[in-house]
Amino acid sequence: MAVTVTMPEMGESVIEGTLEHWLVGKGEYVERDQDLCEITTDKVDAELPAPVAGVVAEILVEEGQTVEVGAALLVIDETAAAPA
């Protein structure tokens, strides 16, 4: 099953954020709660944790791109097995 990770709401008046840096790459296996990327807003800087374990199937936003809250950032395939 594919899980789409979206830009989280990071404050009451925050409507967008900038994806500063990816900490993972396409095809890489990630654990649940592993940091995926660094996000900057006008109020806070934060890392975005993975909601599930799996393989990064697709990265939808480039570094430096500003997107609205709720925008799709990447897709994790949680059916993919962990590396041996």
N, C-alpha and C. Protein backbone atom coordinates (compact mmCIF):
# COMPACT_ATOMS: atom_id res chain seq x y z
N MET A 1 0.84 -1.18 0.00
CA MET A 1 0.00 0.00 0.00
C MET A 1 0.89 1.24 0.00
N ALA A 2 0.55 2.20 -0.82
CA ALA A 2 1.31 3.44 -0.90
C ALA A 2 0.70 4.48 0.03
N VAL A 3 1.57 5.16 0.76
CA VAL A 3 1.16 6.21 1.68
C VAL A 3 1.75 7.52 1.19
N THR A 4 0.89 8.51 0.96
CA THR A 4 1.35 9.83 0.54
C THR A 4 1.57 10.69 1.77
N VAL A 5 2.78 11.22 1.90
CA VAL A 5 3.14 12.09 3.02
C VAL A 5 2.92 13.53 2.55
N THR A 6 2.20 14.30 3.37
CA THR A 6 1.86 15.67 2.99
C THR A 6 2.51 16.69 3.92
N MET A 7 2.53 17.94 3.45
CA MET A 7 3.04 19.05 4.27
C MET A 7 2.11 19.21 5.47
N PRO A 8 2.67 19.07 6.68
CA PRO A 8 1.82 19.16 7.87
C PRO A 8 1.47 20.60 8.22
N GLU A 9 0.41 20.75 9.01
CA GLU A 9 0.07 22.05 9.57
C GLU A 9 1.03 22.28 10.72
N MET A 10 1.79 23.36 10.67
CA MET A 10 2.85 23.58 11.65
C MET A 10 2.60 24.79 12.54
N GLY A 11 1.38 25.23 12.59
CA GLY A 11 1.02 26.37 13.41
C GLY A 11 -0.30 26.93 12.93
N GLU A 12 -0.97 27.65 13.79
CA GLU A 12 -2.32 28.12 13.49
C GLU A 12 -2.38 28.99 12.23
N SER A 13 -1.43 29.88 12.05
CA SER A 13 -1.49 30.80 10.91
C SER A 13 -0.51 30.44 9.79
N VAL A 14 0.14 29.29 9.90
CA VAL A 14 1.10 28.86 8.88
C VAL A 14 0.34 28.18 7.75
N ILE A 15 0.47 28.73 6.53
CA ILE A 15 -0.26 28.17 5.38
C ILE A 15 0.66 27.51 4.36
N GLU A 16 1.99 27.70 4.52
CA GLU A 16 2.93 27.09 3.59
C GLU A 16 4.27 26.89 4.27
N GLY A 17 5.10 26.06 3.63
CA GLY A 17 6.45 25.82 4.14
C GLY A 17 7.38 25.53 2.99
N THR A 18 8.66 25.69 3.24
CA THR A 18 9.69 25.42 2.24
C THR A 18 10.42 24.14 2.60
N LEU A 19 10.49 23.22 1.65
CA LEU A 19 11.24 21.99 1.85
C LEU A 19 12.71 22.33 1.63
N GLU A 20 13.44 22.41 2.72
CA GLU A 20 14.85 22.84 2.64
C GLU A 20 15.78 21.74 2.18
N HIS A 21 15.58 20.51 2.71
CA HIS A 21 16.55 19.46 2.42
C HIS A 21 15.92 18.08 2.63
N TRP A 22 16.08 17.21 1.65
CA TRP A 22 15.65 15.81 1.81
C TRP A 22 16.71 15.07 2.59
N LEU A 23 16.30 14.26 3.55
CA LEU A 23 17.20 13.42 4.34
C LEU A 23 17.18 11.98 3.85
N VAL A 24 16.29 11.69 2.89
CA VAL A 24 16.17 10.36 2.29
C VAL A 24 16.10 10.52 0.77
N GLY A 25 16.30 9.41 0.07
CA GLY A 25 16.24 9.44 -1.39
C GLY A 25 15.28 8.39 -1.92
N LYS A 26 14.91 8.53 -3.18
CA LYS A 26 14.03 7.57 -3.83
C LYS A 26 14.68 6.18 -3.79
N GLY A 27 13.88 5.17 -3.44
CA GLY A 27 14.37 3.81 -3.37
C GLY A 27 14.95 3.43 -2.02
N GLU A 28 15.08 4.40 -1.13
CA GLU A 28 15.66 4.15 0.19
C GLU A 28 14.60 3.62 1.15
N TYR A 29 14.97 2.65 1.98
CA TYR A 29 14.08 2.12 3.01
C TYR A 29 14.10 3.06 4.21
N VAL A 30 12.92 3.39 4.73
CA VAL A 30 12.82 4.25 5.92
C VAL A 30 12.02 3.53 7.01
N GLU A 31 12.39 3.80 8.24
CA GLU A 31 11.67 3.28 9.41
C GLU A 31 10.59 4.28 9.80
N ARG A 32 9.54 3.80 10.46
CA ARG A 32 8.52 4.69 11.00
C ARG A 32 9.20 5.67 11.95
N ASP A 33 8.83 6.94 11.88
CA ASP A 33 9.34 8.04 12.70
C ASP A 33 10.74 8.51 12.30
N GLN A 34 11.34 7.91 11.26
CA GLN A 34 12.62 8.41 10.75
C GLN A 34 12.38 9.75 10.08
N ASP A 35 13.26 10.72 10.29
CA ASP A 35 13.11 12.03 9.65
C ASP A 35 13.30 11.91 8.15
N LEU A 36 12.35 12.51 7.41
CA LEU A 36 12.36 12.45 5.95
C LEU A 36 12.97 13.70 5.33
N CYS A 37 12.66 14.85 5.92
CA CYS A 37 13.11 16.11 5.33
C CYS A 37 13.10 17.21 6.39
N GLU A 38 13.73 18.33 6.03
CA GLU A 38 13.73 19.51 6.87
C GLU A 38 12.82 20.54 6.22
N ILE A 39 11.92 21.12 7.03
CA ILE A 39 10.95 22.09 6.54
C ILE A 39 11.14 23.39 7.30
N THR A 40 11.05 24.51 6.58
CA THR A 40 11.16 25.83 7.18
C THR A 40 9.88 26.61 6.88
N THR A 41 9.36 27.29 7.91
CA THR A 41 8.24 28.20 7.73
C THR A 41 8.64 29.54 8.32
N ASP A 42 7.76 30.53 8.22
CA ASP A 42 8.09 31.84 8.79
C ASP A 42 8.08 31.81 10.32
N LYS A 43 7.58 30.73 10.92
CA LYS A 43 7.50 30.65 12.38
C LYS A 43 8.36 29.55 13.00
N VAL A 44 8.62 28.46 12.25
CA VAL A 44 9.29 27.31 12.86
C VAL A 44 10.08 26.53 11.81
N ASP A 45 11.16 25.89 12.26
CA ASP A 45 11.91 24.94 11.44
C ASP A 45 11.70 23.57 12.08
N ALA A 46 11.50 22.54 11.26
CA ALA A 46 11.23 21.22 11.82
C ALA A 46 11.63 20.13 10.85
N GLU A 47 11.76 18.91 11.38
CA GLU A 47 11.96 17.72 10.56
C GLU A 47 10.62 17.00 10.49
N LEU A 48 10.35 16.38 9.35
CA LEU A 48 9.10 15.66 9.15
C LEU A 48 9.36 14.16 9.27
N PRO A 49 8.75 13.48 10.26
CA PRO A 49 8.97 12.05 10.45
C PRO A 49 8.09 11.20 9.52
N ALA A 50 8.58 10.02 9.19
CA ALA A 50 7.82 9.09 8.36
C ALA A 50 6.65 8.52 9.16
N PRO A 51 5.44 8.51 8.59
CA PRO A 51 4.29 7.96 9.30
C PRO A 51 4.26 6.43 9.29
N VAL A 52 4.99 5.83 8.35
CA VAL A 52 5.04 4.37 8.20
C VAL A 52 6.45 3.96 7.78
N ALA A 53 6.77 2.67 7.92
CA ALA A 53 8.02 2.13 7.40
C ALA A 53 7.77 1.65 5.98
N GLY A 54 8.80 1.75 5.14
CA GLY A 54 8.68 1.28 3.77
C GLY A 54 9.75 1.90 2.90
N VAL A 55 9.57 1.79 1.59
CA VAL A 55 10.53 2.31 0.62
C VAL A 55 9.98 3.59 0.00
N VAL A 56 10.84 4.60 -0.10
CA VAL A 56 10.45 5.85 -0.74
C VAL A 56 10.23 5.56 -2.22
N ALA A 57 8.98 5.60 -2.65
CA ALA A 57 8.63 5.26 -4.03
C ALA A 57 8.74 6.46 -4.96
N GLU A 58 8.46 7.65 -4.43
CA GLU A 58 8.45 8.83 -5.28
C GLU A 58 8.64 10.08 -4.43
N ILE A 59 9.47 11.00 -4.90
CA ILE A 59 9.63 12.30 -4.27
C ILE A 59 8.95 13.32 -5.18
N LEU A 60 8.00 14.07 -4.62
CA LEU A 60 7.14 14.93 -5.43
C LEU A 60 7.50 16.42 -5.36
N VAL A 61 8.38 16.79 -4.42
CA VAL A 61 8.74 18.19 -4.22
C VAL A 61 10.26 18.31 -4.21
N GLU A 62 10.76 19.31 -4.91
CA GLU A 62 12.21 19.52 -4.97
C GLU A 62 12.68 20.36 -3.79
N GLU A 63 13.94 20.20 -3.42
CA GLU A 63 14.53 21.03 -2.37
C GLU A 63 14.41 22.49 -2.76
N GLY A 64 14.05 23.33 -1.79
CA GLY A 64 13.91 24.76 -2.03
C GLY A 64 12.52 25.17 -2.47
N GLN A 65 11.67 24.21 -2.75
CA GLN A 65 10.31 24.50 -3.21
C GLN A 65 9.40 24.81 -2.02
N THR A 66 8.57 25.85 -2.17
CA THR A 66 7.59 26.23 -1.15
C THR A 66 6.24 25.68 -1.57
N VAL A 67 5.59 24.97 -0.63
CA VAL A 67 4.29 24.36 -0.92
C VAL A 67 3.31 24.66 0.20
N GLU A 68 2.02 24.56 -0.11
CA GLU A 68 0.97 24.81 0.87
C GLU A 68 0.79 23.63 1.80
N VAL A 69 0.26 23.90 2.99
CA VAL A 69 -0.10 22.85 3.93
C VAL A 69 -1.04 21.88 3.22
N GLY A 70 -0.78 20.58 3.37
CA GLY A 70 -1.61 19.56 2.73
C GLY A 70 -1.08 19.09 1.38
N ALA A 71 -0.08 19.77 0.83
CA ALA A 71 0.48 19.37 -0.47
C ALA A 71 1.25 18.06 -0.32
N ALA A 72 1.16 17.19 -1.31
CA ALA A 72 1.87 15.91 -1.30
C ALA A 72 3.37 16.15 -1.46
N LEU A 73 4.17 15.52 -0.58
CA LEU A 73 5.62 15.66 -0.61
C LEU A 73 6.32 14.43 -1.18
N LEU A 74 5.92 13.25 -0.73
CA LEU A 74 6.51 12.02 -1.23
C LEU A 74 5.58 10.85 -0.96
N VAL A 75 5.90 9.71 -1.58
CA VAL A 75 5.10 8.50 -1.45
C VAL A 75 5.99 7.41 -0.89
N ILE A 76 5.49 6.72 0.14
CA ILE A 76 6.19 5.58 0.73
C ILE A 76 5.40 4.32 0.45
N ASP A 77 6.08 3.32 -0.10
CA ASP A 77 5.45 2.01 -0.35
C ASP A 77 5.69 1.15 0.89
N GLU A 78 4.64 1.00 1.71
CA GLU A 78 4.82 0.27 2.96
C GLU A 78 4.79 -1.23 2.79
N THR A 79 4.52 -1.71 1.57
CA THR A 79 4.53 -3.16 1.32
C THR A 79 5.93 -3.65 0.99
N ALA A 80 6.85 -2.72 0.69
CA ALA A 80 8.22 -3.10 0.33
C ALA A 80 8.94 -3.59 1.59
N ALA A 81 9.71 -4.63 1.44
CA ALA A 81 10.42 -5.24 2.56
C ALA A 81 11.67 -4.45 2.92
N ALA A 82 12.03 -4.55 4.18
CA ALA A 82 13.27 -3.95 4.64
C ALA A 82 14.45 -4.70 4.03
N PRO A 83 15.56 -4.00 3.81
CA PRO A 83 16.72 -4.70 3.26
C PRO A 83 17.24 -5.76 4.24
N ALA A 84 17.79 -6.83 3.70
CA ALA A 84 18.28 -7.94 4.53
C ALA A 84 19.56 -7.56 5.24
